[in-house]
Amino acid sequence: MTDFDTAVRRAQEYFAKKGALCLSKVYEADDSWIFFASSGNSPKFGNSGVSICKKTGEVRSFVLPSKANFIKLKNAKLLGD
């Protein structure tokens, strides 16, 4: 099992490699946490997020648009807004 703090660190490491400075949104889904990041104050369009599996800790791209990912995001809870 992967706890939330570990998932946050993995997401930060993932986005740091892509040049993002900070996590901008975090969602909790049934089986994973979904993270989005930004490179500062300017919005970035067309960027993807990352999904961290709660059970295995696997890091996967969370790409939109995707019908399955839109459904997952709709049913997820936004954390810390």
PDB file of N, CA and C in Angstrom:
ATOM      1  N   MET A   1       0.833  -1.191   0.000  1.00  0.00           N
ATOM      2  CA  MET A   1       0.000   0.000   0.000  1.00  0.00           C
ATOM      3  C   MET A   1       0.881   1.260   0.000  1.00  0.00           C
ATOM      4  N   THR A   2       0.434   2.244  -0.734  1.00  0.00           N
ATOM      5  CA  THR A   2       1.143   3.517  -0.825  1.00  0.00           C
ATOM      6  C   THR A   2       0.341   4.571  -0.069  1.00  0.00           C
ATOM      7  N   ASP A   3       0.979   5.234   0.881  1.00  0.00           N
ATOM      8  CA  ASP A   3       0.271   6.275   1.617  1.00  0.00           C
ATOM      9  C   ASP A   3       0.304   7.591   0.835  1.00  0.00           C
ATOM     10  N   PHE A   4      -0.484   8.540   1.285  1.00  0.00           N
ATOM     11  CA  PHE A   4      -0.633   9.807   0.576  1.00  0.00           C
ATOM     12  C   PHE A   4       0.686  10.573   0.492  1.00  0.00           C
ATOM     13  N   ASP A   5       1.444  10.623   1.582  1.00  0.00           N
ATOM     14  CA  ASP A   5       2.710  11.373   1.583  1.00  0.00           C
ATOM     15  C   ASP A   5       3.696  10.812   0.563  1.00  0.00           C
ATOM     16  N   THR A   6       3.757   9.492   0.459  1.00  0.00           N
ATOM     17  CA  THR A   6       4.625   8.860  -0.538  1.00  0.00           C
ATOM     18  C   THR A   6       4.159   9.197  -1.943  1.00  0.00           C
ATOM     19  N   ALA A   7       2.838   9.177  -2.155  1.00  0.00           N
ATOM     20  CA  ALA A   7       2.282   9.516  -3.467  1.00  0.00           C
ATOM     21  C   ALA A   7       2.618  10.952  -3.847  1.00  0.00           C
ATOM     22  N   VAL A   8       2.550  11.861  -2.889  1.00  0.00           N
ATOM     23  CA  VAL A   8       2.896  13.270  -3.146  1.00  0.00           C
ATOM     24  C   VAL A   8       4.354  13.386  -3.577  1.00  0.00           C
ATOM     25  N   ARG A   9       5.248  12.716  -2.862  1.00  0.00           N
ATOM     26  CA  ARG A   9       6.672  12.766  -3.218  1.00  0.00           C
ATOM     27  C   ARG A   9       6.908  12.202  -4.617  1.00  0.00           C
ATOM     28  N   ARG A  10       6.251  11.102  -4.944  1.00  0.00           N
ATOM     29  CA  ARG A  10       6.419  10.513  -6.277  1.00  0.00           C
ATOM     30  C   ARG A  10       5.895  11.447  -7.359  1.00  0.00           C
ATOM     31  N   ALA A  11       4.773  12.090  -7.100  1.00  0.00           N
ATOM     32  CA  ALA A  11       4.222  13.036  -8.076  1.00  0.00           C
ATOM     33  C   ALA A  11       5.158  14.229  -8.250  1.00  0.00           C
ATOM     34  N   GLN A  12       5.696  14.741  -7.150  1.00  0.00           N
ATOM     35  CA  GLN A  12       6.620  15.878  -7.232  1.00  0.00           C
ATOM     36  C   GLN A  12       7.871  15.502  -8.028  1.00  0.00           C
ATOM     37  N   GLU A  13       8.401  14.310  -7.799  1.00  0.00           N
ATOM     38  CA  GLU A  13       9.574  13.850  -8.552  1.00  0.00           C
ATOM     39  C   GLU A  13       9.248  13.726 -10.038  1.00  0.00           C
ATOM     40  N   TYR A  14       8.090  13.174 -10.350  1.00  0.00           N
ATOM     41  CA  TYR A  14       7.654  13.006 -11.736  1.00  0.00           C
ATOM     42  C   TYR A  14       7.566  14.358 -12.439  1.00  0.00           C
ATOM     43  N   PHE A  15       6.888  15.308 -11.811  1.00  0.00           N
ATOM     44  CA  PHE A  15       6.693  16.615 -12.434  1.00  0.00           C
ATOM     45  C   PHE A  15       7.987  17.434 -12.476  1.00  0.00           C
ATOM     46  N   ALA A  16       8.864  17.263 -11.501  1.00  0.00           N
ATOM     47  CA  ALA A  16      10.149  17.978 -11.506  1.00  0.00           C
ATOM     48  C   ALA A  16      10.953  17.624 -12.752  1.00  0.00           C
ATOM     49  N   LYS A  17      10.886  16.371 -13.170  1.00  0.00           N
ATOM     50  CA  LYS A  17      11.582  15.942 -14.382  1.00  0.00           C
ATOM     51  C   LYS A  17      10.988  16.596 -15.623  1.00  0.00           C
ATOM     52  N   LYS A  18       9.724  17.026 -15.534  1.00  0.00           N
ATOM     53  CA  LYS A  18       9.036  17.657 -16.652  1.00  0.00           C
ATOM     54  C   LYS A  18       9.083  19.176 -16.574  1.00  0.00           C
ATOM     55  N   GLY A  19       9.729  19.731 -15.547  1.00  0.00           N
ATOM     56  CA  GLY A  19       9.887  21.177 -15.427  1.00  0.00           C
ATOM     57  C   GLY A  19       8.792  21.883 -14.660  1.00  0.00           C
ATOM     58  N   ALA A  20       7.883  21.154 -14.038  1.00  0.00           N
ATOM     59  CA  ALA A  20       6.817  21.788 -13.262  1.00  0.00           C
ATOM     60  C   ALA A  20       7.351  22.137 -11.874  1.00  0.00           C
ATOM     61  N   LEU A  21       6.922  23.280 -11.352  1.00  0.00           N
ATOM     62  CA  LEU A  21       7.432  23.758 -10.079  1.00  0.00           C
ATOM     63  C   LEU A  21       6.613  23.316  -8.881  1.00  0.00           C
ATOM     64  N   CYS A  22       5.292  23.198  -9.056  1.00  0.00           N
ATOM     65  CA  CYS A  22       4.464  22.883  -7.893  1.00  0.00           C
ATOM     66  C   CYS A  22       3.210  22.113  -8.311  1.00  0.00           C
ATOM     67  N   LEU A  23       2.705  21.337  -7.362  1.00  0.00           N
ATOM     68  CA  LEU A  23       1.443  20.646  -7.590  1.00  0.00           C
ATOM     69  C   LEU A  23       0.329  21.676  -7.526  1.00  0.00           C
ATOM     70  N   SER A  24      -0.604  21.607  -8.470  1.00  0.00           N
ATOM     71  CA  SER A  24      -1.670  22.600  -8.510  1.00  0.00           C
ATOM     72  C   SER A  24      -3.017  22.041  -8.079  1.00  0.00           C
ATOM     73  N   LYS A  25      -3.278  20.773  -8.351  1.00  0.00           N
ATOM     74  CA  LYS A  25      -4.534  20.139  -7.935  1.00  0.00           C
ATOM     75  C   LYS A  25      -4.257  18.687  -7.592  1.00  0.00           C
ATOM     76  N   VAL A  26      -4.977  18.219  -6.565  1.00  0.00           N
ATOM     77  CA  VAL A  26      -4.864  16.825  -6.146  1.00  0.00           C
ATOM     78  C   VAL A  26      -6.268  16.279  -5.942  1.00  0.00           C
ATOM     79  N   TYR A  27      -6.514  15.117  -6.517  1.00  0.00           N
ATOM     80  CA  TYR A  27      -7.799  14.446  -6.375  1.00  0.00           C
ATOM     81  C   TYR A  27      -7.578  13.072  -5.764  1.00  0.00           C
ATOM     82  N   GLU A  28      -8.559  12.617  -4.983  1.00  0.00           N
ATOM     83  CA  GLU A  28      -8.519  11.260  -4.469  1.00  0.00           C
ATOM     84  C   GLU A  28      -9.621  10.456  -5.132  1.00  0.00           C
ATOM     85  N   ALA A  29      -9.221   9.409  -5.835  1.00  0.00           N
ATOM     86  CA  ALA A  29     -10.157   8.465  -6.442  1.00  0.00           C
ATOM     87  C   ALA A  29     -10.146   7.197  -5.596  1.00  0.00           C
ATOM     88  N   ASP A  30     -11.025   6.261  -5.918  1.00  0.00           N
ATOM     89  CA  ASP A  30     -11.112   5.030  -5.140  1.00  0.00           C
ATOM     90  C   ASP A  30      -9.785   4.290  -5.082  1.00  0.00           C
ATOM     91  N   ASP A  31      -9.102   4.186  -6.209  1.00  0.00           N
ATOM     92  CA  ASP A  31      -7.903   3.351  -6.288  1.00  0.00           C
ATOM     93  C   ASP A  31      -6.598   4.125  -6.461  1.00  0.00           C
ATOM     94  N   SER A  32      -6.682   5.450  -6.520  1.00  0.00           N
ATOM     95  CA  SER A  32      -5.476   6.225  -6.801  1.00  0.00           C
ATOM     96  C   SER A  32      -5.638   7.683  -6.376  1.00  0.00           C
ATOM     97  N   TRP A  33      -4.500   8.385  -6.405  1.00  0.00           N
ATOM     98  CA  TRP A  33      -4.495   9.843  -6.277  1.00  0.00           C
ATOM     99  C   TRP A  33      -4.129  10.394  -7.639  1.00  0.00           C
ATOM    100  N   ILE A  34      -4.739  11.510  -8.008  1.00  0.00           N
ATOM    101  CA  ILE A  34      -4.500  12.136  -9.302  1.00  0.00           C
ATOM    102  C   ILE A  34      -3.926  13.528  -9.038  1.00  0.00           C
ATOM    103  N   PHE A  35      -2.779  13.810  -9.647  1.00  0.00           N
ATOM    104  CA  PHE A  35      -2.077  15.069  -9.423  1.00  0.00           C
ATOM    105  C   PHE A  35      -1.938  15.827 -10.733  1.00  0.00           C
ATOM    106  N   PHE A  36      -2.062  17.151 -10.639  1.00  0.00           N
ATOM    107  CA  PHE A  36      -1.763  18.056 -11.739  1.00  0.00           C
ATOM    108  C   PHE A  36      -0.762  19.072 -11.210  1.00  0.00           C
ATOM    109  N   ALA A  37       0.093  19.575 -12.072  1.00  0.00           N
ATOM    110  CA  ALA A  37       1.122  20.529 -11.648  1.00  0.00           C
ATOM    111  C   ALA A  37       1.191  21.690 -12.629  1.00  0.00           C
ATOM    112  N   SER A  38       1.865  22.755 -12.193  1.00  0.00           N
ATOM    113  CA  SER A  38       2.044  23.923 -13.054  1.00  0.00           C
ATOM    114  C   SER A  38       3.487  24.406 -12.953  1.00  0.00           C
ATOM    115  N   SER A  39       3.845  25.250 -13.889  1.00  0.00           N
ATOM    116  CA  SER A  39       5.195  25.816 -13.917  1.00  0.00           C
ATOM    117  C   SER A  39       5.223  27.231 -13.377  1.00  0.00           C
ATOM    118  N   GLY A  40       4.271  27.585 -12.576  1.00  0.00           N
ATOM    119  CA  GLY A  40       4.204  28.928 -12.018  1.00  0.00           C
ATOM    120  C   GLY A  40       2.791  29.471 -12.108  1.00  0.00           C
ATOM    121  N   ASN A  41       2.681  30.778 -12.304  1.00  0.00           N
ATOM    122  CA  ASN A  41       1.368  31.424 -12.318  1.00  0.00           C
ATOM    123  C   ASN A  41       0.655  31.362 -13.659  1.00  0.00           C
ATOM    124  N   SER A  42       1.364  31.057 -14.723  1.00  0.00           N
ATOM    125  CA  SER A  42       0.714  31.035 -16.030  1.00  0.00           C
ATOM    126  C   SER A  42       0.059  29.679 -16.282  1.00  0.00           C
ATOM    127  N   PRO A  43      -1.182  29.683 -16.784  1.00  0.00           N
ATOM    128  CA  PRO A  43      -1.861  28.418 -17.047  1.00  0.00           C
ATOM    129  C   PRO A  43      -1.200  27.680 -18.201  1.00  0.00           C
ATOM    130  N   LYS A  44      -1.223  26.391 -18.110  1.00  0.00           N
ATOM    131  CA  LYS A  44      -0.676  25.563 -19.178  1.00  0.00           C
ATOM    132  C   LYS A  44      -1.804  24.692 -19.701  1.00  0.00           C
ATOM    133  N   PHE A  45      -2.093  24.821 -20.979  1.00  0.00           N
ATOM    134  CA  PHE A  45      -3.192  24.077 -21.565  1.00  0.00           C
ATOM    135  C   PHE A  45      -2.666  22.809 -22.216  1.00  0.00           C
ATOM    136  N   GLY A  46      -3.464  21.756 -22.129  1.00  0.00           N
ATOM    137  CA  GLY A  46      -3.108  20.507 -22.772  1.00  0.00           C
ATOM    138  C   GLY A  46      -2.118  19.668 -21.988  1.00  0.00           C
ATOM    139  N   ASN A  47      -1.864  20.040 -20.723  1.00  0.00           N
ATOM    140  CA  ASN A  47      -0.938  19.219 -19.954  1.00  0.00           C
ATOM    141  C   ASN A  47      -1.661  18.024 -19.356  1.00  0.00           C
ATOM    142  N   SER A  48      -0.910  16.999 -19.052  1.00  0.00           N
ATOM    143  CA  SER A  48      -1.501  15.816 -18.460  1.00  0.00           C
ATOM    144  C   SER A  48      -1.134  15.764 -16.991  1.00  0.00           C
ATOM    145  N   GLY A  49      -1.864  14.970 -16.286  1.00  0.00           N
ATOM    146  CA  GLY A  49      -1.590  14.757 -14.878  1.00  0.00           C
ATOM    147  C   GLY A  49      -0.892  13.431 -14.695  1.00  0.00           C
ATOM    148  N   VAL A  50      -0.814  13.037 -13.446  1.00  0.00           N
ATOM    149  CA  VAL A  50      -0.230  11.750 -13.112  1.00  0.00           C
ATOM    150  C   VAL A  50      -1.133  11.075 -12.089  1.00  0.00           C
ATOM    151  N   SER A  51      -1.238   9.774 -12.210  1.00  0.00           N
ATOM    152  CA  SER A  51      -2.029   8.972 -11.301  1.00  0.00           C
ATOM    153  C   SER A  51      -1.090   8.051 -10.536  1.00  0.00           C
ATOM    154  N   ILE A  52      -1.255   7.997  -9.216  1.00  0.00           N
ATOM    155  CA  ILE A  52      -0.445   7.121  -8.372  1.00  0.00           C
ATOM    156  C   ILE A  52      -1.389   6.087  -7.761  1.00  0.00           C
ATOM    157  N   CYS A  53      -1.158   4.823  -8.061  1.00  0.00           N
ATOM    158  CA  CYS A  53      -1.996   3.731  -7.564  1.00  0.00           C
ATOM    159  C   CYS A  53      -1.810   3.577  -6.056  1.00  0.00           C
ATOM    160  N   LYS A  54      -2.910   3.525  -5.319  1.00  0.00           N
ATOM    161  CA  LYS A  54      -2.829   3.369  -3.871  1.00  0.00           C
ATOM    162  C   LYS A  54      -2.278   1.995  -3.482  1.00  0.00           C
ATOM    163  N   LYS A  55      -2.620   0.989  -4.240  1.00  0.00           N
ATOM    164  CA  LYS A  55      -2.232  -0.379  -3.895  1.00  0.00           C
ATOM    165  C   LYS A  55      -0.763  -0.669  -4.219  1.00  0.00           C
ATOM    166  N   THR A  56      -0.321  -0.273  -5.408  1.00  0.00           N
ATOM    167  CA  THR A  56       1.012  -0.655  -5.873  1.00  0.00           C
ATOM    168  C   THR A  56       2.015   0.494  -5.905  1.00  0.00           C
ATOM    169  N   GLY A  57       1.557   1.736  -5.877  1.00  0.00           N
ATOM    170  CA  GLY A  57       2.448   2.883  -5.992  1.00  0.00           C
ATOM    171  C   GLY A  57       2.857   3.192  -7.418  1.00  0.00           C
ATOM    172  N   GLU A  58       2.275   2.475  -8.379  1.00  0.00           N
ATOM    173  CA  GLU A  58       2.624   2.682  -9.789  1.00  0.00           C
ATOM    174  C   GLU A  58       2.253   4.096 -10.234  1.00  0.00           C
ATOM    175  N   VAL A  59       3.167   4.696 -10.972  1.00  0.00           N
ATOM    176  CA  VAL A  59       2.978   6.044 -11.507  1.00  0.00           C
ATOM    177  C   VAL A  59       2.570   5.909 -12.969  1.00  0.00           C
ATOM    178  N   ARG A  60       1.438   6.534 -13.323  1.00  0.00           N
ATOM    179  CA  ARG A  60       0.952   6.502 -14.705  1.00  0.00           C
ATOM    180  C   ARG A  60       0.552   7.902 -15.134  1.00  0.00           C
ATOM    181  N   SER A  61       0.715   8.158 -16.417  1.00  0.00           N
ATOM    182  CA  SER A  61       0.208   9.418 -16.974  1.00  0.00           C
ATOM    183  C   SER A  61      -1.309   9.419 -16.877  1.00  0.00           C
ATOM    184  N   PHE A  62      -1.861  10.585 -16.571  1.00  0.00           N
ATOM    185  CA  PHE A  62      -3.315  10.753 -16.502  1.00  0.00           C
ATOM    186  C   PHE A  62      -3.678  11.777 -17.566  1.00  0.00           C
ATOM    187  N   VAL A  63      -3.992  11.276 -18.743  1.00  0.00           N
ATOM    188  CA  VAL A  63      -4.177  12.121 -19.917  1.00  0.00           C
ATOM    189  C   VAL A  63      -5.647  12.456 -20.120  1.00  0.00           C
ATOM    190  N   LEU A  64      -5.906  13.721 -20.400  1.00  0.00           N
ATOM    191  CA  LEU A  64      -7.238  14.182 -20.804  1.00  0.00           C
ATOM    192  C   LEU A  64      -7.089  14.784 -22.187  1.00  0.00           C
ATOM    193  N   PRO A  65      -7.981  14.605 -23.118  1.00  0.00           N
ATOM    194  CA  PRO A  65      -9.259  13.930 -22.945  1.00  0.00           C
ATOM    195  C   PRO A  65      -9.137  12.409 -23.073  1.00  0.00           C
ATOM    196  N   SER A  66      -9.820  11.767 -22.196  1.00  0.00           N
ATOM    197  CA  SER A  66      -9.993  10.323 -22.188  1.00  0.00           C
ATOM    198  C   SER A  66     -11.310  10.076 -21.471  1.00  0.00           C
ATOM    199  N   LYS A  67     -12.211   9.385 -22.104  1.00  0.00           N
ATOM    200  CA  LYS A  67     -13.529   9.162 -21.508  1.00  0.00           C
ATOM    201  C   LYS A  67     -13.400   8.500 -20.140  1.00  0.00           C
ATOM    202  N   ALA A  68     -12.561   7.471 -20.048  1.00  0.00           N
ATOM    203  CA  ALA A  68     -12.384   6.770 -18.771  1.00  0.00           C
ATOM    204  C   ALA A  68     -11.806   7.699 -17.710  1.00  0.00           C
ATOM    205  N   ASN A  69     -10.834   8.540 -18.095  1.00  0.00           N
ATOM    206  CA  ASN A  69     -10.233   9.453 -17.121  1.00  0.00           C
ATOM    207  C   ASN A  69     -11.176  10.585 -16.731  1.00  0.00           C
ATOM    208  N   PHE A  70     -12.012  11.060 -17.648  1.00  0.00           N
ATOM    209  CA  PHE A  70     -13.018  12.064 -17.282  1.00  0.00           C
ATOM    210  C   PHE A  70     -13.989  11.495 -16.257  1.00  0.00           C
ATOM    211  N   ILE A  71     -14.407  10.254 -16.442  1.00  0.00           N
ATOM    212  CA  ILE A  71     -15.322   9.609 -15.495  1.00  0.00           C
ATOM    213  C   ILE A  71     -14.633   9.455 -14.136  1.00  0.00           C
ATOM    214  N   LYS A  72     -13.385   9.002 -14.151  1.00  0.00           N
ATOM    215  CA  LYS A  72     -12.634   8.828 -12.903  1.00  0.00           C
ATOM    216  C   LYS A  72     -12.484  10.162 -12.183  1.00  0.00           C
ATOM    217  N   LEU A  73     -12.165  11.222 -12.918  1.00  0.00           N
ATOM    218  CA  LEU A  73     -11.988  12.545 -12.326  1.00  0.00           C
ATOM    219  C   LEU A  73     -13.304  13.091 -11.783  1.00  0.00           C
ATOM    220  N   LYS A  74     -14.382  12.845 -12.492  1.00  0.00           N
ATOM    221  CA  LYS A  74     -15.704  13.306 -12.047  1.00  0.00           C
ATOM    222  C   LYS A  74     -16.093  12.671 -10.711  1.00  0.00           C
ATOM    223  N   ASN A  75     -15.708  11.420 -10.526  1.00  0.00           N
ATOM    224  CA  ASN A  75     -16.059  10.702  -9.303  1.00  0.00           C
ATOM    225  C   ASN A  75     -15.032  10.867  -8.191  1.00  0.00           C
ATOM    226  N   ALA A  76     -13.930  11.539  -8.469  1.00  0.00           N
ATOM    227  CA  ALA A  76     -12.880  11.742  -7.472  1.00  0.00           C
ATOM    228  C   ALA A  76     -13.193  12.968  -6.620  1.00  0.00           C
ATOM    229  N   LYS A  77     -12.564  13.011  -5.457  1.00  0.00           N
ATOM    230  CA  LYS A  77     -12.743  14.131  -4.527  1.00  0.00           C
ATOM    231  C   LYS A  77     -11.540  15.066  -4.637  1.00  0.00           C
ATOM    232  N   LEU A  78     -11.798  16.352  -4.898  1.00  0.00           N
ATOM    233  CA  LEU A  78     -10.740  17.361  -4.933  1.00  0.00           C
ATOM    234  C   LEU A  78     -10.266  17.613  -3.503  1.00  0.00           C
ATOM    235  N   LEU A  79      -8.973  17.512  -3.285  1.00  0.00           N
ATOM    236  CA  LEU A  79      -8.402  17.717  -1.949  1.00  0.00           C
ATOM    237  C   LEU A  79      -7.809  19.114  -1.833  1.00  0.00           C
ATOM    238  N   GLY A  80      -8.044  19.772  -0.719  1.00  0.00           N
ATOM    239  CA  GLY A  80      -7.389  21.024  -0.397  1.00  0.00           C
ATOM    240  C   GLY A  80      -7.734  22.220  -1.248  1.00  0.00           C
ATOM    241  N   ASP A  81      -8.940  22.289  -1.778  1.00  0.00           N
ATOM    242  CA  ASP A  81      -9.277  23.453  -2.591  1.00  0.00           C
ATOM    243  C   ASP A  81      -9.861  24.559  -1.778  1.00  0.00           C
TER     244      ASP A  81
END
